[in-house]
Amino acid sequence: MAKERLPKTPAVRMLEAAHVHFIPHHYKYIERGGTKEASRQLGIPEHAVIKTLVMQDERGSPFLVLMHGDREVSTKALARALGVKTVTPCDSRMAQRHTGYTVGGISPFGTRKSLPVYAEASLFDLPRILINGGKRGFLVELAPEDLDRLLKPRRVRVGR
């Protein structure tokens, strides 16, 4: 099997410019397969696959939430942590507009707009994480410390 080329997404360009060591992982994207399908194909725990969710508060202000693939975000707990009334997921059109990425390929790195980032605190307990590299079917494996250094996310405990 031929080695797959590294896509030059904004996320990859940002990681390379910051001299972040990452390992690319390609898998066959399946509509609605999510982190469960990626972890199955790559043979890794779903807990280490981090999903990037584009959400908004009641005023429509967008932000990113990074969560373990095998957990959901408690929107009530997240709203409390942010000091807002409500938070809801952005629809796919708005998510693409804010990030520049297609749903299923949203990376927290190299987004079109600079967005606040909130990360489940326990993901920093893992030695390595896999997160979207800016393209469907493409994850990058890196140290959580690199994610912390580049994005400076606010750590929250909102997973369930």
N, C-alpha and C. Protein backbone atom coordinates (compact mmCIF):
# COMPACT_ATOMS: atom_id res chain seq x y z
N MET A 1 0.85 -1.18 0.00
CA MET A 1 0.00 0.00 0.00
C MET A 1 0.89 1.24 0.00
N ALA A 2 0.61 2.17 -0.86
CA ALA A 2 1.40 3.39 -0.96
C ALA A 2 1.18 4.27 0.27
N LYS A 3 2.22 4.95 0.69
CA LYS A 3 2.12 5.85 1.82
C LYS A 3 1.27 7.05 1.42
N GLU A 4 0.29 7.39 2.28
CA GLU A 4 -0.58 8.52 1.97
C GLU A 4 0.17 9.82 2.21
N ARG A 5 -0.08 10.77 1.34
CA ARG A 5 0.57 12.07 1.46
C ARG A 5 -0.05 12.86 2.60
N LEU A 6 0.77 13.71 3.19
CA LEU A 6 0.33 14.56 4.27
C LEU A 6 -0.46 15.72 3.68
N PRO A 7 -1.75 15.84 4.02
CA PRO A 7 -2.52 16.96 3.47
C PRO A 7 -2.01 18.28 4.05
N LYS A 8 -1.93 19.29 3.24
CA LYS A 8 -1.45 20.60 3.71
C LYS A 8 -2.64 21.47 4.12
N THR A 9 -3.31 21.04 5.17
CA THR A 9 -4.43 21.79 5.71
C THR A 9 -3.91 22.95 6.55
N PRO A 10 -4.75 23.92 6.86
CA PRO A 10 -4.32 24.99 7.77
C PRO A 10 -3.83 24.43 9.11
N ALA A 11 -4.44 23.34 9.57
CA ALA A 11 -4.01 22.71 10.83
C ALA A 11 -2.59 22.18 10.71
N VAL A 12 -2.30 21.47 9.65
CA VAL A 12 -0.95 20.91 9.45
C VAL A 12 0.06 22.04 9.32
N ARG A 13 -0.29 23.07 8.59
CA ARG A 13 0.63 24.21 8.44
C ARG A 13 0.91 24.87 9.79
N MET A 14 -0.11 25.01 10.63
CA MET A 14 0.07 25.61 11.95
C MET A 14 0.98 24.73 12.82
N LEU A 15 0.74 23.42 12.81
CA LEU A 15 1.56 22.50 13.61
C LEU A 15 3.02 22.52 13.14
N GLU A 16 3.21 22.50 11.84
CA GLU A 16 4.57 22.53 11.31
C GLU A 16 5.27 23.85 11.65
N ALA A 17 4.56 24.97 11.52
CA ALA A 17 5.16 26.27 11.82
C ALA A 17 5.56 26.38 13.30
N ALA A 18 4.83 25.68 14.17
CA ALA A 18 5.12 25.71 15.61
C ALA A 18 6.11 24.62 16.00
N HIS A 19 6.60 23.86 15.02
CA HIS A 19 7.57 22.77 15.26
C HIS A 19 7.03 21.72 16.21
N VAL A 20 5.75 21.38 16.04
CA VAL A 20 5.12 20.35 16.85
C VAL A 20 5.36 19.00 16.20
N HIS A 21 5.87 18.06 16.98
CA HIS A 21 6.03 16.69 16.48
C HIS A 21 4.66 16.02 16.51
N PHE A 22 4.18 15.59 15.36
CA PHE A 22 2.91 14.87 15.30
C PHE A 22 3.04 13.70 14.34
N ILE A 23 2.17 12.73 14.55
CA ILE A 23 2.13 11.55 13.69
C ILE A 23 0.80 11.57 12.95
N PRO A 24 0.83 11.57 11.62
CA PRO A 24 -0.42 11.58 10.85
C PRO A 24 -1.05 10.18 10.83
N HIS A 25 -2.37 10.15 10.88
CA HIS A 25 -3.12 8.90 10.80
C HIS A 25 -4.27 9.10 9.81
N HIS A 26 -4.28 8.29 8.79
CA HIS A 26 -5.37 8.31 7.81
C HIS A 26 -6.30 7.14 8.07
N TYR A 27 -7.58 7.34 7.85
CA TYR A 27 -8.56 6.26 7.94
C TYR A 27 -9.66 6.57 6.93
N LYS A 28 -10.45 5.56 6.64
CA LYS A 28 -11.54 5.75 5.67
C LYS A 28 -12.71 6.44 6.37
N TYR A 29 -12.99 7.67 5.96
CA TYR A 29 -14.07 8.45 6.56
C TYR A 29 -15.42 7.80 6.21
N ILE A 30 -16.23 7.61 7.22
CA ILE A 30 -17.58 7.08 7.04
C ILE A 30 -18.55 8.08 7.65
N GLU A 31 -19.49 8.54 6.85
CA GLU A 31 -20.49 9.51 7.31
C GLU A 31 -21.14 9.02 8.59
N ARG A 32 -21.16 9.88 9.59
CA ARG A 32 -21.73 9.60 10.91
C ARG A 32 -20.99 8.52 11.70
N GLY A 33 -19.78 8.17 11.26
CA GLY A 33 -18.98 7.16 11.97
C GLY A 33 -18.32 7.73 13.21
N GLY A 34 -17.95 9.00 13.14
CA GLY A 34 -17.39 9.70 14.28
C GLY A 34 -16.13 9.07 14.86
N THR A 35 -15.90 9.38 16.12
CA THR A 35 -14.70 8.90 16.80
C THR A 35 -14.71 7.39 16.99
N LYS A 36 -15.89 6.82 17.09
CA LYS A 36 -16.00 5.36 17.26
C LYS A 36 -15.41 4.64 16.03
N GLU A 37 -15.75 5.12 14.85
CA GLU A 37 -15.24 4.50 13.61
C GLU A 37 -13.75 4.75 13.45
N ALA A 38 -13.30 5.96 13.74
CA ALA A 38 -11.87 6.26 13.64
C ALA A 38 -11.06 5.38 14.58
N SER A 39 -11.52 5.24 15.82
CA SER A 39 -10.79 4.42 16.79
C SER A 39 -10.80 2.95 16.39
N ARG A 40 -11.90 2.48 15.83
CA ARG A 40 -11.98 1.09 15.39
C ARG A 40 -10.98 0.83 14.27
N GLN A 41 -10.99 1.71 13.27
CA GLN A 41 -10.10 1.51 12.12
C GLN A 41 -8.62 1.64 12.50
N LEU A 42 -8.31 2.53 13.43
CA LEU A 42 -6.92 2.76 13.80
C LEU A 42 -6.46 1.87 14.95
N GLY A 43 -7.41 1.16 15.57
CA GLY A 43 -7.06 0.24 16.65
C GLY A 43 -6.58 0.94 17.91
N ILE A 44 -7.21 2.06 18.22
CA ILE A 44 -6.84 2.81 19.42
C ILE A 44 -8.09 3.05 20.27
N PRO A 45 -7.92 3.32 21.56
CA PRO A 45 -9.09 3.58 22.41
C PRO A 45 -9.81 4.86 21.98
N GLU A 46 -11.13 4.79 21.96
CA GLU A 46 -11.91 5.96 21.57
C GLU A 46 -11.70 7.13 22.54
N HIS A 47 -11.34 6.82 23.77
CA HIS A 47 -11.11 7.84 24.79
C HIS A 47 -9.95 8.78 24.39
N ALA A 48 -8.99 8.27 23.60
CA ALA A 48 -7.83 9.06 23.18
C ALA A 48 -8.09 9.86 21.90
N VAL A 49 -9.23 9.59 21.24
CA VAL A 49 -9.60 10.36 20.04
C VAL A 49 -10.43 11.55 20.52
N ILE A 50 -9.93 12.74 20.26
CA ILE A 50 -10.55 13.95 20.77
C ILE A 50 -11.38 14.61 19.67
N LYS A 51 -12.64 14.85 19.99
CA LYS A 51 -13.50 15.52 19.00
C LYS A 51 -13.49 17.02 19.24
N THR A 52 -13.61 17.76 18.15
CA THR A 52 -13.66 19.22 18.18
C THR A 52 -15.09 19.63 17.87
N LEU A 53 -15.75 20.22 18.84
CA LEU A 53 -17.15 20.63 18.70
C LEU A 53 -17.23 22.15 18.61
N VAL A 54 -18.02 22.64 17.67
CA VAL A 54 -18.23 24.07 17.53
C VAL A 54 -19.57 24.38 18.17
N MET A 55 -19.52 25.22 19.20
CA MET A 55 -20.72 25.55 19.95
C MET A 55 -20.88 27.06 20.03
N GLN A 56 -22.03 27.47 20.58
CA GLN A 56 -22.28 28.91 20.74
C GLN A 56 -23.10 29.13 22.00
N ASP A 57 -22.97 30.34 22.54
CA ASP A 57 -23.79 30.68 23.70
C ASP A 57 -25.10 31.32 23.22
N GLU A 58 -25.90 31.78 24.17
CA GLU A 58 -27.22 32.32 23.80
C GLU A 58 -27.13 33.58 22.95
N ARG A 59 -25.99 34.26 22.96
CA ARG A 59 -25.80 35.45 22.12
C ARG A 59 -25.29 35.10 20.72
N GLY A 60 -25.02 33.82 20.50
CA GLY A 60 -24.51 33.38 19.20
C GLY A 60 -23.00 33.46 19.11
N SER A 61 -22.30 33.71 20.23
CA SER A 61 -20.85 33.78 20.22
C SER A 61 -20.27 32.37 20.14
N PRO A 62 -19.49 32.08 19.09
CA PRO A 62 -18.97 30.72 18.90
C PRO A 62 -17.72 30.43 19.71
N PHE A 63 -17.51 29.15 19.99
CA PHE A 63 -16.30 28.69 20.67
C PHE A 63 -16.14 27.20 20.37
N LEU A 64 -14.95 26.68 20.68
CA LEU A 64 -14.66 25.26 20.47
C LEU A 64 -14.63 24.53 21.80
N VAL A 65 -15.08 23.28 21.77
CA VAL A 65 -14.99 22.40 22.93
C VAL A 65 -14.27 21.13 22.47
N LEU A 66 -13.23 20.73 23.19
CA LEU A 66 -12.49 19.52 22.90
C LEU A 66 -12.88 18.47 23.93
N MET A 67 -13.37 17.32 23.44
CA MET A 67 -13.91 16.30 24.33
C MET A 67 -13.46 14.92 23.88
N HIS A 68 -13.27 14.02 24.86
CA HIS A 68 -12.97 12.62 24.57
C HIS A 68 -14.05 12.07 23.63
N GLY A 69 -13.64 11.21 22.71
CA GLY A 69 -14.58 10.65 21.76
C GLY A 69 -15.67 9.80 22.39
N ASP A 70 -15.38 9.19 23.53
CA ASP A 70 -16.36 8.31 24.16
C ASP A 70 -17.21 9.03 25.22
N ARG A 71 -17.16 10.35 25.21
CA ARG A 71 -17.96 11.13 26.17
C ARG A 71 -18.76 12.19 25.43
N GLU A 72 -19.80 12.66 26.10
CA GLU A 72 -20.61 13.76 25.58
C GLU A 72 -20.36 14.99 26.44
N VAL A 73 -20.71 16.14 25.92
CA VAL A 73 -20.60 17.39 26.67
C VAL A 73 -21.92 17.64 27.38
N SER A 74 -21.86 17.88 28.67
CA SER A 74 -23.03 18.33 29.41
C SER A 74 -23.16 19.83 29.14
N THR A 75 -24.16 20.20 28.34
CA THR A 75 -24.30 21.61 27.98
C THR A 75 -24.67 22.45 29.21
N LYS A 76 -25.39 21.87 30.16
CA LYS A 76 -25.73 22.62 31.39
C LYS A 76 -24.46 22.91 32.19
N ALA A 77 -23.62 21.90 32.35
CA ALA A 77 -22.36 22.10 33.10
C ALA A 77 -21.46 23.08 32.35
N LEU A 78 -21.43 23.00 31.02
CA LEU A 78 -20.60 23.91 30.24
C LEU A 78 -21.10 25.35 30.37
N ALA A 79 -22.41 25.54 30.30
CA ALA A 79 -22.98 26.89 30.46
C ALA A 79 -22.61 27.46 31.83
N ARG A 80 -22.70 26.63 32.87
CA ARG A 80 -22.32 27.09 34.22
C ARG A 80 -20.84 27.47 34.25
N ALA A 81 -19.98 26.64 33.66
CA ALA A 81 -18.54 26.90 33.66
C ALA A 81 -18.20 28.19 32.92
N LEU A 82 -18.97 28.51 31.88
CA LEU A 82 -18.72 29.71 31.08
C LEU A 82 -19.44 30.94 31.62
N GLY A 83 -20.36 30.72 32.56
CA GLY A 83 -21.11 31.83 33.12
C GLY A 83 -22.13 32.40 32.15
N VAL A 84 -22.72 31.52 31.33
CA VAL A 84 -23.76 31.94 30.38
C VAL A 84 -25.04 31.15 30.66
N LYS A 85 -26.14 31.58 30.05
CA LYS A 85 -27.41 30.90 30.28
C LYS A 85 -27.48 29.55 29.59
N THR A 86 -27.13 29.53 28.30
CA THR A 86 -27.22 28.29 27.53
C THR A 86 -26.08 28.19 26.53
N VAL A 87 -25.77 26.95 26.16
CA VAL A 87 -24.87 26.68 25.05
C VAL A 87 -25.51 25.62 24.18
N THR A 88 -25.30 25.76 22.89
CA THR A 88 -25.85 24.80 21.93
C THR A 88 -24.82 24.56 20.83
N PRO A 89 -24.89 23.38 20.20
CA PRO A 89 -24.00 23.15 19.05
C PRO A 89 -24.37 24.07 17.89
N CYS A 90 -23.38 24.50 17.15
CA CYS A 90 -23.63 25.27 15.92
C CYS A 90 -24.09 24.29 14.84
N ASP A 91 -24.94 24.74 13.92
CA ASP A 91 -25.28 23.88 12.80
C ASP A 91 -24.07 23.78 11.88
N SER A 92 -24.09 22.83 10.97
CA SER A 92 -22.92 22.55 10.14
C SER A 92 -22.50 23.75 9.29
N ARG A 93 -23.44 24.51 8.81
CA ARG A 93 -23.13 25.69 7.98
C ARG A 93 -22.37 26.74 8.80
N MET A 94 -22.84 26.99 10.01
CA MET A 94 -22.19 27.98 10.87
C MET A 94 -20.83 27.46 11.36
N ALA A 95 -20.75 26.17 11.65
CA ALA A 95 -19.48 25.59 12.09
C ALA A 95 -18.42 25.78 10.99
N GLN A 96 -18.81 25.53 9.75
CA GLN A 96 -17.87 25.70 8.64
C GLN A 96 -17.51 27.18 8.47
N ARG A 97 -18.48 28.04 8.63
CA ARG A 97 -18.23 29.47 8.47
C ARG A 97 -17.22 29.98 9.52
N HIS A 98 -17.37 29.50 10.77
CA HIS A 98 -16.48 29.94 11.85
C HIS A 98 -15.08 29.34 11.74
N THR A 99 -14.99 28.08 11.32
CA THR A 99 -13.70 27.38 11.35
C THR A 99 -12.99 27.30 10.01
N GLY A 100 -13.75 27.31 8.92
CA GLY A 100 -13.17 27.09 7.60
C GLY A 100 -13.06 25.62 7.25
N TYR A 101 -13.52 24.75 8.15
CA TYR A 101 -13.46 23.31 7.95
C TYR A 101 -14.85 22.71 7.77
N THR A 102 -14.90 21.60 7.04
CA THR A 102 -16.14 20.85 6.85
C THR A 102 -16.40 20.00 8.09
N VAL A 103 -17.65 19.89 8.50
CA VAL A 103 -18.00 19.03 9.63
C VAL A 103 -17.51 17.62 9.34
N GLY A 104 -16.89 17.01 10.32
CA GLY A 104 -16.24 15.72 10.14
C GLY A 104 -14.75 15.88 9.90
N GLY A 105 -14.34 17.12 9.65
CA GLY A 105 -12.94 17.43 9.43
C GLY A 105 -12.51 18.68 10.17
N ILE A 106 -13.24 19.02 11.24
CA ILE A 106 -12.93 20.25 11.97
C ILE A 106 -11.78 20.02 12.94
N SER A 107 -10.76 20.84 12.79
CA SER A 107 -9.60 20.82 13.66
C SER A 107 -9.62 22.08 14.51
N PRO A 108 -9.09 22.01 15.74
CA PRO A 108 -9.00 23.24 16.53
C PRO A 108 -7.80 24.10 16.09
N PHE A 109 -6.94 23.54 15.25
CA PHE A 109 -5.74 24.25 14.79
C PHE A 109 -6.02 24.92 13.45
N GLY A 110 -5.59 26.15 13.29
CA GLY A 110 -5.69 26.83 12.01
C GLY A 110 -7.10 27.19 11.60
N THR A 111 -7.95 27.52 12.56
CA THR A 111 -9.33 27.89 12.22
C THR A 111 -9.35 29.26 11.53
N ARG A 112 -10.38 29.46 10.74
CA ARG A 112 -10.53 30.71 9.99
C ARG A 112 -10.58 31.91 10.95
N LYS A 113 -11.38 31.77 12.01
CA LYS A 113 -11.48 32.81 13.03
C LYS A 113 -10.81 32.29 14.29
N SER A 114 -10.20 33.18 15.04
CA SER A 114 -9.65 32.79 16.33
C SER A 114 -10.83 32.63 17.30
N LEU A 115 -11.00 31.42 17.80
CA LEU A 115 -12.13 31.13 18.68
C LEU A 115 -11.64 30.72 20.06
N PRO A 116 -12.39 31.08 21.11
CA PRO A 116 -12.03 30.56 22.44
C PRO A 116 -12.11 29.04 22.42
N VAL A 117 -11.21 28.40 23.16
CA VAL A 117 -11.17 26.93 23.19
C VAL A 117 -11.30 26.48 24.64
N TYR A 118 -12.21 25.52 24.84
CA TYR A 118 -12.42 24.88 26.14
C TYR A 118 -12.12 23.40 25.95
N ALA A 119 -11.36 22.83 26.89
CA ALA A 119 -10.97 21.42 26.75
C ALA A 119 -11.30 20.67 28.02
N GLU A 120 -11.83 19.47 27.86
CA GLU A 120 -12.08 18.60 29.00
C GLU A 120 -10.75 18.38 29.71
N ALA A 121 -10.68 18.69 30.98
CA ALA A 121 -9.44 18.67 31.74
C ALA A 121 -8.75 17.31 31.70
N SER A 122 -9.52 16.23 31.71
CA SER A 122 -8.92 14.89 31.77
C SER A 122 -8.17 14.49 30.50
N LEU A 123 -8.37 15.20 29.40
CA LEU A 123 -7.62 14.82 28.19
C LEU A 123 -6.13 15.11 28.37
N PHE A 124 -5.79 16.00 29.31
CA PHE A 124 -4.39 16.31 29.57
C PHE A 124 -3.71 15.25 30.44
N ASP A 125 -4.49 14.28 30.92
CA ASP A 125 -3.94 13.15 31.68
C ASP A 125 -3.41 12.06 30.75
N LEU A 126 -3.77 12.13 29.47
CA LEU A 126 -3.36 11.11 28.51
C LEU A 126 -1.94 11.40 28.01
N PRO A 127 -1.16 10.35 27.71
CA PRO A 127 0.19 10.58 27.19
C PRO A 127 0.19 11.12 25.76
N ARG A 128 -0.77 10.68 24.95
CA ARG A 128 -0.90 11.12 23.55
C ARG A 128 -2.39 11.21 23.24
N ILE A 129 -2.74 12.13 22.34
CA ILE A 129 -4.12 12.24 21.87
C ILE A 129 -4.12 12.26 20.35
N LEU A 130 -5.25 11.89 19.77
CA LEU A 130 -5.45 12.00 18.33
C LEU A 130 -6.59 12.98 18.12
N ILE A 131 -6.36 13.96 17.25
CA ILE A 131 -7.35 15.00 17.02
C ILE A 131 -7.37 15.31 15.53
N ASN A 132 -8.48 15.83 15.06
CA ASN A 132 -8.62 16.04 13.62
C ASN A 132 -7.54 16.99 13.09
N GLY A 133 -7.02 16.61 11.93
CA GLY A 133 -5.98 17.40 11.28
C GLY A 133 -6.50 18.33 10.20
N GLY A 134 -7.81 18.54 10.15
CA GLY A 134 -8.37 19.50 9.21
C GLY A 134 -8.94 18.90 7.94
N LYS A 135 -9.16 17.59 7.97
CA LYS A 135 -9.70 16.91 6.79
C LYS A 135 -10.40 15.64 7.26
N ARG A 136 -11.51 15.33 6.62
CA ARG A 136 -12.20 14.09 6.95
C ARG A 136 -11.28 12.90 6.72
N GLY A 137 -11.25 11.99 7.69
CA GLY A 137 -10.41 10.80 7.55
C GLY A 137 -8.94 11.04 7.87
N PHE A 138 -8.64 12.12 8.59
CA PHE A 138 -7.25 12.45 8.90
C PHE A 138 -7.14 12.97 10.33
N LEU A 139 -6.40 12.23 11.15
CA LEU A 139 -6.14 12.64 12.53
C LEU A 139 -4.64 12.86 12.72
N VAL A 140 -4.29 13.72 13.65
CA VAL A 140 -2.90 13.90 14.03
C VAL A 140 -2.74 13.48 15.48
N GLU A 141 -1.69 12.72 15.73
CA GLU A 141 -1.38 12.26 17.08
C GLU A 141 -0.30 13.18 17.64
N LEU A 142 -0.55 13.70 18.82
CA LEU A 142 0.42 14.59 19.44
C LEU A 142 0.30 14.54 20.96
N ALA A 143 1.23 15.20 21.62
CA ALA A 143 1.20 15.28 23.08
C ALA A 143 0.19 16.35 23.49
N PRO A 144 -0.59 16.08 24.54
CA PRO A 144 -1.54 17.10 25.00
C PRO A 144 -0.86 18.42 25.38
N GLU A 145 0.40 18.34 25.79
CA GLU A 145 1.13 19.57 26.14
C GLU A 145 1.27 20.49 24.93
N ASP A 146 1.42 19.90 23.74
CA ASP A 146 1.52 20.73 22.53
C ASP A 146 0.20 21.43 22.24
N LEU A 147 -0.90 20.71 22.44
CA LEU A 147 -2.22 21.32 22.26
C LEU A 147 -2.37 22.48 23.24
N ASP A 148 -1.96 22.26 24.48
CA ASP A 148 -2.06 23.28 25.51
C ASP A 148 -1.21 24.51 25.16
N ARG A 149 0.00 24.27 24.68
CA ARG A 149 0.92 25.36 24.33
C ARG A 149 0.39 26.20 23.16
N LEU A 150 -0.17 25.53 22.15
CA LEU A 150 -0.63 26.25 20.96
C LEU A 150 -1.98 26.94 21.13
N LEU A 151 -2.91 26.25 21.78
CA LEU A 151 -4.28 26.78 21.85
C LEU A 151 -4.61 27.47 23.16
N LYS A 152 -3.85 27.17 24.20
CA LYS A 152 -4.11 27.72 25.53
C LYS A 152 -5.59 27.59 25.92
N PRO A 153 -6.12 26.38 25.86
CA PRO A 153 -7.54 26.20 26.16
C PRO A 153 -7.82 26.37 27.66
N ARG A 154 -9.01 26.78 27.95
CA ARG A 154 -9.47 26.81 29.34
C ARG A 154 -9.94 25.39 29.66
N ARG A 155 -9.45 24.85 30.74
CA ARG A 155 -9.81 23.48 31.13
C ARG A 155 -11.13 23.49 31.88
N VAL A 156 -12.00 22.58 31.48
CA VAL A 156 -13.32 22.45 32.09
C VAL A 156 -13.58 20.97 32.39
N ARG A 157 -14.53 20.73 33.25
CA ARG A 157 -14.96 19.35 33.56
C ARG A 157 -16.45 19.27 33.23
N VAL A 158 -16.73 18.96 31.97
CA VAL A 158 -18.12 18.96 31.51
C VAL A 158 -18.49 17.67 30.76
N GLY A 159 -17.62 16.67 30.82
CA GLY A 159 -17.88 15.41 30.12
C GLY A 159 -18.79 14.51 30.92
N ARG A 160 -19.57 13.75 30.19
CA ARG A 160 -20.42 12.73 30.83
C ARG A 160 -20.43 11.48 30.00
